[in-house]
Amino acid sequence: VHLAESGGGSVQAGGSLKLSCAASGSTSDIVAMGWFRQAPGKESELVAHITINADLTQYTNSVKGRFTITISSKSVKKNVYLEMNSLKPEDTAVYYCVAATDNSGYGHWGQGTQVIVSS
C-alpha cells in the first residue's frame, strides 16, 4: 500500500486546512486509515482514524470538535481526509497518513505533510 498526502501548509490560529491522502496498491486489503502527527521534540500521536466502511471514527481528545475525518472507499481508490478547523499553534506538526491492512496496527505510512499554525 502506498499513501500520498497533500494539503498541508501554513495558517494563522483559528484558520482551517484540509488534508487529503490517496492510497494505491493493494487497497482492497485496507481495514482502516487515519492520521498521525509528530511535533518537534514530541512523540507521534494518533490524531484520528476511521474504519474502511466508516462505521467507526475516533479522535484524540485535543482535536475533538475541531477535526473531522472522512473516507472515500467505494472504489479501488481509497482516500481519507482530515478537515481541521479552529487550528491552534499546538496543532503544528508533520501529519502522516496511515493505513492498516490487518488488526496488528498501522503498518503503512505516507511521507508526511507539514502543518504550521502561527499565533
Protein backbone atom coordinates (compact mmCIF):
# COMPACT_ATOMS: atom_id res chain seq x y z
CA VAL A 1 0.00 0.00 0.00
CA HIS A 2 1.35 3.41 -0.99
CA LEU A 3 0.00 6.55 0.66
CA ALA A 4 0.37 10.09 -0.66
CA GLU A 5 -0.67 13.12 1.41
CA SER A 6 -1.45 16.64 0.27
CA GLY A 7 -2.97 19.79 1.69
CA GLY A 8 -0.56 20.87 4.37
CA GLY A 9 0.61 24.45 4.71
CA SER A 10 0.78 27.48 6.94
CA VAL A 11 -2.23 29.14 8.52
CA GLN A 12 -2.96 31.57 11.32
CA ALA A 13 -4.56 30.41 14.53
CA GLY A 14 -8.29 29.97 14.11
CA GLY A 15 -7.91 29.06 10.47
CA SER A 16 -8.68 25.84 8.62
CA LEU A 17 -6.88 23.30 6.46
CA LYS A 18 -7.95 20.09 4.79
CA LEU A 19 -5.53 17.22 4.38
CA SER A 20 -6.03 14.56 1.75
CA CYS A 21 -4.49 11.15 1.35
CA ALA A 22 -4.70 8.83 -1.63
CA ALA A 23 -3.99 5.14 -1.21
CA SER A 24 -2.78 2.97 -4.06
CA GLY A 25 -1.51 -0.57 -4.44
CA SER A 26 -3.26 -3.34 -2.51
CA THR A 27 -6.07 -1.09 -1.33
CA SER A 28 -8.55 -3.95 -1.05
CA ASP A 29 -6.56 -5.14 1.98
CA ILE A 30 -7.06 -1.89 3.91
CA VAL A 31 -9.25 -2.19 7.02
CA ALA A 32 -8.73 1.29 8.48
CA MET A 33 -7.00 4.58 7.76
CA GLY A 34 -6.03 7.53 9.84
CA TRP A 35 -3.71 10.40 10.61
CA PHE A 36 -0.77 10.58 12.97
CA ARG A 37 1.14 13.74 13.72
CA GLN A 38 4.56 14.45 15.15
CA ALA A 39 5.59 17.81 16.53
CA PRO A 40 9.26 18.74 17.03
CA GLY A 41 10.64 17.04 20.11
CA LYS A 42 7.47 15.08 20.75
CA GLU A 43 6.35 11.52 20.14
CA SER A 44 3.98 10.74 17.31
CA GLU A 45 0.31 10.90 18.17
CA LEU A 46 -2.69 9.22 16.56
CA VAL A 47 -4.94 12.18 15.76
CA ALA A 48 -7.91 10.42 14.17
CA HIS A 49 -8.77 7.18 12.48
CA ILE A 50 -11.67 5.61 10.66
CA THR A 51 -12.64 2.13 9.58
CA ILE A 52 -12.78 1.40 5.87
CA ASN A 53 -16.60 1.29 5.88
CA ALA A 54 -16.74 4.43 8.06
CA ASP A 55 -18.69 2.76 10.85
CA LEU A 56 -16.21 3.84 13.49
CA THR A 57 -14.23 7.04 13.95
CA GLN A 58 -12.03 8.04 16.86
CA TYR A 59 -10.20 11.23 17.75
CA THR A 60 -7.58 12.20 20.25
CA ASN A 61 -9.11 14.46 22.90
CA SER A 62 -7.26 17.60 21.87
CA VAL A 63 -8.90 17.71 18.42
CA LYS A 64 -12.44 16.59 19.24
CA GLY A 65 -14.95 19.09 17.93
CA ARG A 66 -12.37 20.73 15.67
CA PHE A 67 -11.17 17.97 13.32
CA THR A 68 -13.27 15.67 11.16
CA ILE A 69 -12.01 12.54 9.43
CA THR A 70 -13.81 11.12 6.41
CA ILE A 71 -13.10 8.33 3.96
CA SER A 72 -13.96 7.55 0.37
CA SER A 73 -13.73 3.83 -0.26
CA LYS A 74 -16.42 2.83 -2.71
CA SER A 75 -13.97 2.07 -5.49
CA VAL A 76 -10.50 0.60 -5.73
CA LYS A 77 -9.15 4.03 -4.92
CA LYS A 78 -9.22 4.79 -1.22
CA ASN A 79 -8.98 8.33 0.04
CA VAL A 80 -9.01 9.68 3.56
CA TYR A 81 -9.41 13.31 4.52
CA LEU A 82 -8.85 15.36 7.63
CA GLU A 83 -10.78 18.61 7.90
CA MET A 84 -9.07 20.79 10.51
CA ASN A 85 -10.87 23.83 11.88
CA SER A 86 -10.13 26.30 14.66
CA LEU A 87 -6.47 25.45 14.34
CA LYS A 88 -4.17 26.21 17.25
CA PRO A 89 -0.39 26.70 17.35
CA GLU A 90 -0.13 23.38 19.20
CA ASP A 91 -1.52 21.66 16.11
CA THR A 92 1.74 22.45 14.35
CA ALA A 93 3.31 19.15 13.30
CA VAL A 94 4.07 16.86 10.41
CA TYR A 95 0.91 14.93 9.65
CA TYR A 96 1.18 11.38 8.35
CA CYS A 97 -1.49 9.38 6.60
CA VAL A 98 -1.60 5.78 7.80
CA ALA A 99 -3.32 2.58 6.79
CA ALA A 100 -3.89 -0.78 8.43
CA THR A 101 -4.29 -3.97 6.44
CA ASP A 102 -4.92 -6.24 9.43
CA ASN A 103 -5.52 -5.91 13.15
CA SER A 104 -1.85 -5.54 14.02
CA GLY A 105 -1.80 -1.76 13.70
CA TYR A 106 -0.93 0.97 11.23
CA GLY A 107 1.93 -0.51 9.25
CA HIS A 108 1.70 1.74 6.21
CA TRP A 109 2.73 5.39 6.39
CA GLY A 110 2.85 8.25 3.91
CA GLN A 111 5.75 10.65 3.59
CA GLY A 112 4.09 13.32 5.73
CA THR A 113 2.83 16.83 5.14
CA GLN A 114 3.77 19.86 7.25
CA VAL A 115 1.13 21.92 9.04
CA ILE A 116 2.22 25.17 10.65
CA VAL A 117 -0.17 27.25 12.74
CA SER A 118 1.05 30.68 13.74
CA SER A 119 -0.32 32.72 16.61
